[in-house]
Amino acid sequence: MSTVTSGSPPSDAQLVARCRAGDDDAWRVLVERFSRYVYAIVVQAFRFREHDAEDVYQDVFIRMYERLDQLREDDAVRPWLAQLTRRVCLDRLRAGARIELADDEMPYVETEDALDRIDEAVAVHELLATLPEHCREILDRFFARDESYRTIGEALELPPGTIASRISRCLAKLREELEGRSDVGQPSGEQVMR
């Protein structure tokens, strides 16, 4: 029987606790939650090509499954998984396995910087998901799709002059979420500007 509910998403610590208790659905959710993160480390920080990255990715999640009991604090799963991914990548390189790197050179030397950028990108992505749909859409159109105010205005049936103020308010909300992320007990999902 699954303990993962359809309400608000469980925290990392809750998922880890459920995995330790043998909840298969929690394992699925945990892997889904961290799959892009692990893959980004393998491809961006270590520059493995796709077919080698997939092998490393699978090895990381097998080791996570086998070694989750070694995690001291359930809420520390992200840094633990980053370190595990790093070790698997380095093991592959040391073993002299036939690995093709994306740019045919040694992996990115400053992996800490790459990991920091990946962590930051994941955090922003997670926070974007907490914003109302209208904010997610306008920020996605402006920053990810690089659409102009005019194009966004036409798509959303808003005057182009309104787009800048909406983007500003949505970014302010994102900033509040980012700053409030470390505040314990701060309610999330409160009413936001319309």
C-alpha atoms as a PDB file:
ATOM      1  CA  MET A   1       0.000   0.000   0.000  1.00  0.00           C
ATOM      2  CA  SER A   2       1.287   3.428  -0.924  1.00  0.00           C
ATOM      3  CA  THR A   3       1.819   6.180   1.600  1.00  0.00           C
ATOM      4  CA  VAL A   4       2.402   8.922  -0.970  1.00  0.00           C
ATOM      5  CA  THR A   5      -0.719  11.071  -1.075  1.00  0.00           C
ATOM      6  CA  SER A   6      -2.044  13.309  -3.800  1.00  0.00           C
ATOM      7  CA  GLY A   7      -2.155  16.467  -1.612  1.00  0.00           C
ATOM      8  CA  SER A   8       0.842  18.730  -1.364  1.00  0.00           C
ATOM      9  CA  PRO A   9       4.054  17.031  -2.435  1.00  0.00           C
ATOM     10  CA  PRO A  10       5.958  15.320   0.368  1.00  0.00           C
ATOM     11  CA  SER A  11       9.231  16.844   1.514  1.00  0.00           C
ATOM     12  CA  ASP A  12      12.510  15.164   0.650  1.00  0.00           C
ATOM     13  CA  ALA A  13      12.777  13.908   4.242  1.00  0.00           C
ATOM     14  CA  GLN A  14       9.267  12.433   4.134  1.00  0.00           C
ATOM     15  CA  LEU A  15      10.049  10.642   0.883  1.00  0.00           C
ATOM     16  CA  VAL A  16      13.281   9.219   2.257  1.00  0.00           C
ATOM     17  CA  ALA A  17      11.509   7.993   5.395  1.00  0.00           C
ATOM     18  CA  ARG A  18       8.854   6.335   3.245  1.00  0.00           C
ATOM     19  CA  CYS A  19      11.500   4.732   1.041  1.00  0.00           C
ATOM     20  CA  ARG A  20      13.261   3.357   4.105  1.00  0.00           C
ATOM     21  CA  ALA A  21       9.897   1.896   5.162  1.00  0.00           C
ATOM     22  CA  GLY A  22       9.672   0.054   1.831  1.00  0.00           C
ATOM     23  CA  ASP A  23       7.131   2.254   0.035  1.00  0.00           C
ATOM     24  CA  ASP A  24       7.588   1.544  -3.695  1.00  0.00           C
ATOM     25  CA  ASP A  25       5.552   4.597  -4.743  1.00  0.00           C
ATOM     26  CA  ALA A  26       7.823   6.807  -2.650  1.00  0.00           C
ATOM     27  CA  TRP A  27      10.840   5.363  -4.501  1.00  0.00           C
ATOM     28  CA  ARG A  28       9.219   6.234  -7.813  1.00  0.00           C
ATOM     29  CA  VAL A  29       8.537   9.797  -6.640  1.00  0.00           C
ATOM     30  CA  LEU A  30      12.051  10.163  -5.233  1.00  0.00           C
ATOM     31  CA  VAL A  31      13.627   9.047  -8.504  1.00  0.00           C
ATOM     32  CA  GLU A  32      11.337  11.361 -10.505  1.00  0.00           C
ATOM     33  CA  ARG A  33      12.144  14.268  -8.206  1.00  0.00           C
ATOM     34  CA  PHE A  34      15.902  13.882  -8.566  1.00  0.00           C
ATOM     35  CA  SER A  35      16.267  12.420 -12.066  1.00  0.00           C
ATOM     36  CA  ARG A  36      16.870  15.764 -13.804  1.00  0.00           C
ATOM     37  CA  TYR A  37      19.238  16.814 -11.028  1.00  0.00           C
ATOM     38  CA  VAL A  38      21.410  13.695 -11.335  1.00  0.00           C
ATOM     39  CA  TYR A  39      21.364  13.828 -15.119  1.00  0.00           C
ATOM     40  CA  ALA A  40      22.370  17.507 -15.061  1.00  0.00           C
ATOM     41  CA  ILE A  41      25.366  16.736 -12.849  1.00  0.00           C
ATOM     42  CA  VAL A  42      26.491  13.923 -15.143  1.00  0.00           C
ATOM     43  CA  VAL A  43      26.047  15.902 -18.362  1.00  0.00           C
ATOM     44  CA  GLN A  44      26.830  19.468 -17.297  1.00  0.00           C
ATOM     45  CA  ALA A  45      29.424  19.058 -14.544  1.00  0.00           C
ATOM     46  CA  PHE A  46      31.188  15.982 -15.926  1.00  0.00           C
ATOM     47  CA  ARG A  47      30.291  16.385 -19.605  1.00  0.00           C
ATOM     48  CA  PHE A  48      29.475  12.749 -20.315  1.00  0.00           C
ATOM     49  CA  ARG A  49      27.852  12.041 -23.661  1.00  0.00           C
ATOM     50  CA  GLU A  50      24.256  10.862 -23.647  1.00  0.00           C
ATOM     51  CA  HIS A  51      24.775   7.086 -23.830  1.00  0.00           C
ATOM     52  CA  ASP A  52      27.437   7.137 -21.090  1.00  0.00           C
ATOM     53  CA  ALA A  53      25.379   9.580 -19.026  1.00  0.00           C
ATOM     54  CA  GLU A  54      22.453   7.149 -19.073  1.00  0.00           C
ATOM     55  CA  ASP A  55      24.660   4.350 -17.742  1.00  0.00           C
ATOM     56  CA  VAL A  56      25.998   6.572 -14.970  1.00  0.00           C
ATOM     57  CA  TYR A  57      22.468   7.794 -14.193  1.00  0.00           C
ATOM     58  CA  GLN A  58      21.233   4.224 -13.754  1.00  0.00           C
ATOM     59  CA  ASP A  59      24.222   3.319 -11.610  1.00  0.00           C
ATOM     60  CA  VAL A  60      23.600   6.311  -9.345  1.00  0.00           C
ATOM     61  CA  PHE A  61      20.009   5.325  -8.658  1.00  0.00           C
ATOM     62  CA  ILE A  62      20.966   1.686  -8.082  1.00  0.00           C
ATOM     63  CA  ARG A  63      23.553   2.803  -5.532  1.00  0.00           C
ATOM     64  CA  MET A  64      21.038   5.186  -3.966  1.00  0.00           C
ATOM     65  CA  TYR A  65      18.635   2.283  -3.521  1.00  0.00           C
ATOM     66  CA  GLU A  66      21.342   0.076  -2.042  1.00  0.00           C
ATOM     67  CA  ARG A  67      22.856   2.731   0.233  1.00  0.00           C
ATOM     68  CA  LEU A  68      19.971   4.910   1.377  1.00  0.00           C
ATOM     69  CA  ASP A  69      20.471   3.524   4.872  1.00  0.00           C
ATOM     70  CA  GLN A  70      23.857   5.309   4.944  1.00  0.00           C
ATOM     71  CA  LEU A  71      22.155   8.710   4.749  1.00  0.00           C
ATOM     72  CA  ARG A  72      22.394  10.199   8.248  1.00  0.00           C
ATOM     73  CA  GLU A  73      19.652  12.819   7.936  1.00  0.00           C
ATOM     74  CA  ASP A  74      16.632  12.256   5.727  1.00  0.00           C
ATOM     75  CA  ASP A  75      16.446  15.921   4.680  1.00  0.00           C
ATOM     76  CA  ALA A  76      20.055  15.840   3.402  1.00  0.00           C
ATOM     77  CA  VAL A  77      19.226  13.622   0.429  1.00  0.00           C
ATOM     78  CA  ARG A  78      20.034  16.241  -2.231  1.00  0.00           C
ATOM     79  CA  PRO A  79      23.664  16.903  -1.202  1.00  0.00           C
ATOM     80  CA  TRP A  80      24.150  13.194  -0.469  1.00  0.00           C
ATOM     81  CA  LEU A  81      22.865  12.315  -3.938  1.00  0.00           C
ATOM     82  CA  ALA A  82      25.080  14.981  -5.529  1.00  0.00           C
ATOM     83  CA  GLN A  83      28.105  13.473  -3.785  1.00  0.00           C
ATOM     84  CA  LEU A  84      27.067   9.960  -4.790  1.00  0.00           C
ATOM     85  CA  THR A  85      26.670  11.081  -8.414  1.00  0.00           C
ATOM     86  CA  ARG A  86      30.054  12.722  -8.324  1.00  0.00           C
ATOM     87  CA  ARG A  87      31.660   9.546  -6.956  1.00  0.00           C
ATOM     88  CA  VAL A  88      30.042   7.395  -9.652  1.00  0.00           C
ATOM     89  CA  CYS A  89      31.283   9.774 -12.359  1.00  0.00           C
ATOM     90  CA  LEU A  90      34.808   9.795 -10.961  1.00  0.00           C
ATOM     91  CA  ASP A  91      34.764   5.998 -10.546  1.00  0.00           C
ATOM     92  CA  ARG A  92      33.820   5.647 -14.211  1.00  0.00           C
ATOM     93  CA  LEU A  93      36.635   7.946 -15.277  1.00  0.00           C
ATOM     94  CA  ARG A  94      39.211   6.236 -13.023  1.00  0.00           C
ATOM     95  CA  ALA A  95      38.191   2.786 -14.176  1.00  0.00           C
ATOM     96  CA  GLY A  96      39.192   3.810 -17.666  1.00  0.00           C
ATOM     97  CA  ALA A  97      35.820   2.778 -18.940  1.00  0.00           C
ATOM     98  CA  ARG A  98      35.247   3.763 -22.529  1.00  0.00           C
ATOM     99  CA  ILE A  99      33.642   7.114 -21.821  1.00  0.00           C
ATOM    100  CA  GLU A 100      33.074   9.753 -24.457  1.00  0.00           C
ATOM    101  CA  LEU A 101      32.979  13.268 -23.102  1.00  0.00           C
ATOM    102  CA  ALA A 102      30.788  15.875 -24.739  1.00  0.00           C
ATOM    103  CA  ASP A 103      33.688  18.075 -25.752  1.00  0.00           C
ATOM    104  CA  ASP A 104      36.411  15.382 -25.931  1.00  0.00           C
ATOM    105  CA  GLU A 105      38.348  16.745 -22.979  1.00  0.00           C
ATOM    106  CA  MET A 106      38.556  16.040 -19.274  1.00  0.00           C
ATOM    107  CA  PRO A 107      35.424  16.775 -17.299  1.00  0.00           C
ATOM    108  CA  TYR A 108      34.806  20.226 -16.029  1.00  0.00           C
ATOM    109  CA  VAL A 109      37.529  20.770 -13.442  1.00  0.00           C
ATOM    110  CA  GLU A 110      35.516  23.079 -11.245  1.00  0.00           C
ATOM    111  CA  THR A 111      32.672  20.661 -10.542  1.00  0.00           C
ATOM    112  CA  GLU A 112      31.770  22.550  -7.360  1.00  0.00           C
ATOM    113  CA  ASP A 113      30.851  25.609  -9.429  1.00  0.00           C
ATOM    114  CA  ALA A 114      28.859  23.449 -11.819  1.00  0.00           C
ATOM    115  CA  LEU A 115      27.095  21.733  -8.914  1.00  0.00           C
ATOM    116  CA  ASP A 116      26.258  25.103  -7.375  1.00  0.00           C
ATOM    117  CA  ARG A 117      24.742  26.286 -10.673  1.00  0.00           C
ATOM    118  CA  ILE A 118      22.761  23.067 -11.020  1.00  0.00           C
ATOM    119  CA  ASP A 119      21.515  23.315  -7.417  1.00  0.00           C
ATOM    120  CA  GLU A 120      20.471  26.909  -8.021  1.00  0.00           C
ATOM    121  CA  ALA A 121      18.664  26.031 -11.248  1.00  0.00           C
ATOM    122  CA  VAL A 122      16.827  23.162  -9.554  1.00  0.00           C
ATOM    123  CA  ALA A 123      15.807  25.424  -6.676  1.00  0.00           C
ATOM    124  CA  VAL A 124      14.443  28.057  -9.064  1.00  0.00           C
ATOM    125  CA  HIS A 125      12.606  25.372 -11.057  1.00  0.00           C
ATOM    126  CA  GLU A 126      11.033  24.000  -7.867  1.00  0.00           C
ATOM    127  CA  LEU A 127      10.029  27.477  -6.734  1.00  0.00           C
ATOM    128  CA  LEU A 128       8.525  28.306 -10.115  1.00  0.00           C
ATOM    129  CA  ALA A 129       6.224  25.329  -9.646  1.00  0.00           C
ATOM    130  CA  THR A 130       4.873  26.950  -6.468  1.00  0.00           C
ATOM    131  CA  LEU A 131       3.833  30.125  -8.288  1.00  0.00           C
ATOM    132  CA  PRO A 132       0.375  30.590  -9.774  1.00  0.00           C
ATOM    133  CA  GLU A 133      -0.082  29.455 -13.376  1.00  0.00           C
ATOM    134  CA  HIS A 134      -0.181  33.014 -14.757  1.00  0.00           C
ATOM    135  CA  CYS A 135       3.228  33.750 -13.219  1.00  0.00           C
ATOM    136  CA  ARG A 136       4.758  30.501 -14.430  1.00  0.00           C
ATOM    137  CA  GLU A 137       3.510  31.172 -17.941  1.00  0.00           C
ATOM    138  CA  ILE A 138       4.655  34.766 -18.213  1.00  0.00           C
ATOM    139  CA  LEU A 139       8.097  34.025 -16.700  1.00  0.00           C
ATOM    140  CA  ASP A 140       8.517  30.992 -18.946  1.00  0.00           C
ATOM    141  CA  ARG A 141       7.589  32.993 -22.029  1.00  0.00           C
ATOM    142  CA  PHE A 142       9.909  35.868 -21.172  1.00  0.00           C
ATOM    143  CA  PHE A 143      12.955  34.028 -19.786  1.00  0.00           C
ATOM    144  CA  ALA A 144      12.865  30.509 -21.241  1.00  0.00           C
ATOM    145  CA  ARG A 145      11.290  31.179 -24.633  1.00  0.00           C
ATOM    146  CA  ASP A 146      12.811  34.670 -24.959  1.00  0.00           C
ATOM    147  CA  GLU A 147       9.554  36.142 -26.227  1.00  0.00           C
ATOM    148  CA  SER A 148       9.134  39.905 -26.542  1.00  0.00           C
ATOM    149  CA  TYR A 149       6.591  41.897 -24.527  1.00  0.00           C
ATOM    150  CA  ARG A 150       4.579  42.266 -27.702  1.00  0.00           C
ATOM    151  CA  THR A 151       4.521  38.506 -28.421  1.00  0.00           C
ATOM    152  CA  ILE A 152       3.610  37.702 -24.821  1.00  0.00           C
ATOM    153  CA  GLY A 153       0.907  40.365 -24.839  1.00  0.00           C
ATOM    154  CA  GLU A 154      -0.630  38.953 -28.004  1.00  0.00           C
ATOM    155  CA  ALA A 155      -0.551  35.389 -26.685  1.00  0.00           C
ATOM    156  CA  LEU A 156      -2.043  36.328 -23.322  1.00  0.00           C
ATOM    157  CA  GLU A 157      -4.350  39.006 -24.734  1.00  0.00           C
ATOM    158  CA  LEU A 158      -2.787  41.727 -22.595  1.00  0.00           C
ATOM    159  CA  PRO A 159      -1.464  45.146 -23.558  1.00  0.00           C
ATOM    160  CA  PRO A 160       2.327  45.025 -24.007  1.00  0.00           C
ATOM    161  CA  GLY A 161       2.681  47.724 -21.362  1.00  0.00           C
ATOM    162  CA  THR A 162       1.135  45.403 -18.796  1.00  0.00           C
ATOM    163  CA  ILE A 163       3.657  42.644 -19.412  1.00  0.00           C
ATOM    164  CA  ALA A 164       6.600  44.405 -17.717  1.00  0.00           C
ATOM    165  CA  SER A 165       4.651  45.047 -14.525  1.00  0.00           C
ATOM    166  CA  ARG A 166       3.355  41.449 -14.446  1.00  0.00           C
ATOM    167  CA  ILE A 167       6.871  40.095 -14.909  1.00  0.00           C
ATOM    168  CA  SER A 168       8.107  42.378 -12.137  1.00  0.00           C
ATOM    169  CA  ARG A 169       5.359  41.253  -9.726  1.00  0.00           C
ATOM    170  CA  CYS A 170       5.925  37.586 -10.551  1.00  0.00           C
ATOM    171  CA  LEU A 171       9.679  37.950 -10.036  1.00  0.00           C
ATOM    172  CA  ALA A 172       9.001  39.642  -6.692  1.00  0.00           C
ATOM    173  CA  LYS A 173       6.827  36.684  -5.712  1.00  0.00           C
ATOM    174  CA  LEU A 174       9.555  34.288  -6.800  1.00  0.00           C
ATOM    175  CA  ARG A 175      12.084  36.248  -4.730  1.00  0.00           C
ATOM    176  CA  GLU A 176       9.758  36.084  -1.699  1.00  0.00           C
ATOM    177  CA  GLU A 177       9.450  32.327  -2.135  1.00  0.00           C
ATOM    178  CA  LEU A 178      13.215  31.978  -2.456  1.00  0.00           C
ATOM    179  CA  GLU A 179      13.896  34.082   0.637  1.00  0.00           C
ATOM    180  CA  GLY A 180      11.102  32.384   2.589  1.00  0.00           C
ATOM    181  CA  ARG A 181      12.307  28.922   1.657  1.00  0.00           C
ATOM    182  CA  SER A 182      14.606  28.768   4.654  1.00  0.00           C
ATOM    183  CA  ASP A 183      11.971  30.125   7.063  1.00  0.00           C
ATOM    184  CA  VAL A 184      10.520  27.248   9.051  1.00  0.00           C
ATOM    185  CA  GLY A 185       6.778  27.167   9.306  1.00  0.00           C
ATOM    186  CA  GLN A 186       6.144  29.859   6.743  1.00  0.00           C
ATOM    187  CA  PRO A 187       2.896  29.039   5.003  1.00  0.00           C
ATOM    188  CA  SER A 188       3.093  28.419   1.311  1.00  0.00           C
ATOM    189  CA  GLY A 189       0.465  28.810  -1.318  1.00  0.00           C
ATOM    190  CA  GLU A 190      -0.905  32.047   0.070  1.00  0.00           C
ATOM    191  CA  GLN A 191      -2.927  34.393  -2.136  1.00  0.00           C
ATOM    192  CA  VAL A 192      -0.717  36.199  -4.657  1.00  0.00           C
ATOM    193  CA  MET A 193      -1.262  39.239  -6.812  1.00  0.00           C
ATOM    194  CA  ARG A 194      -3.620  38.928  -9.712  1.00  0.00           C
END
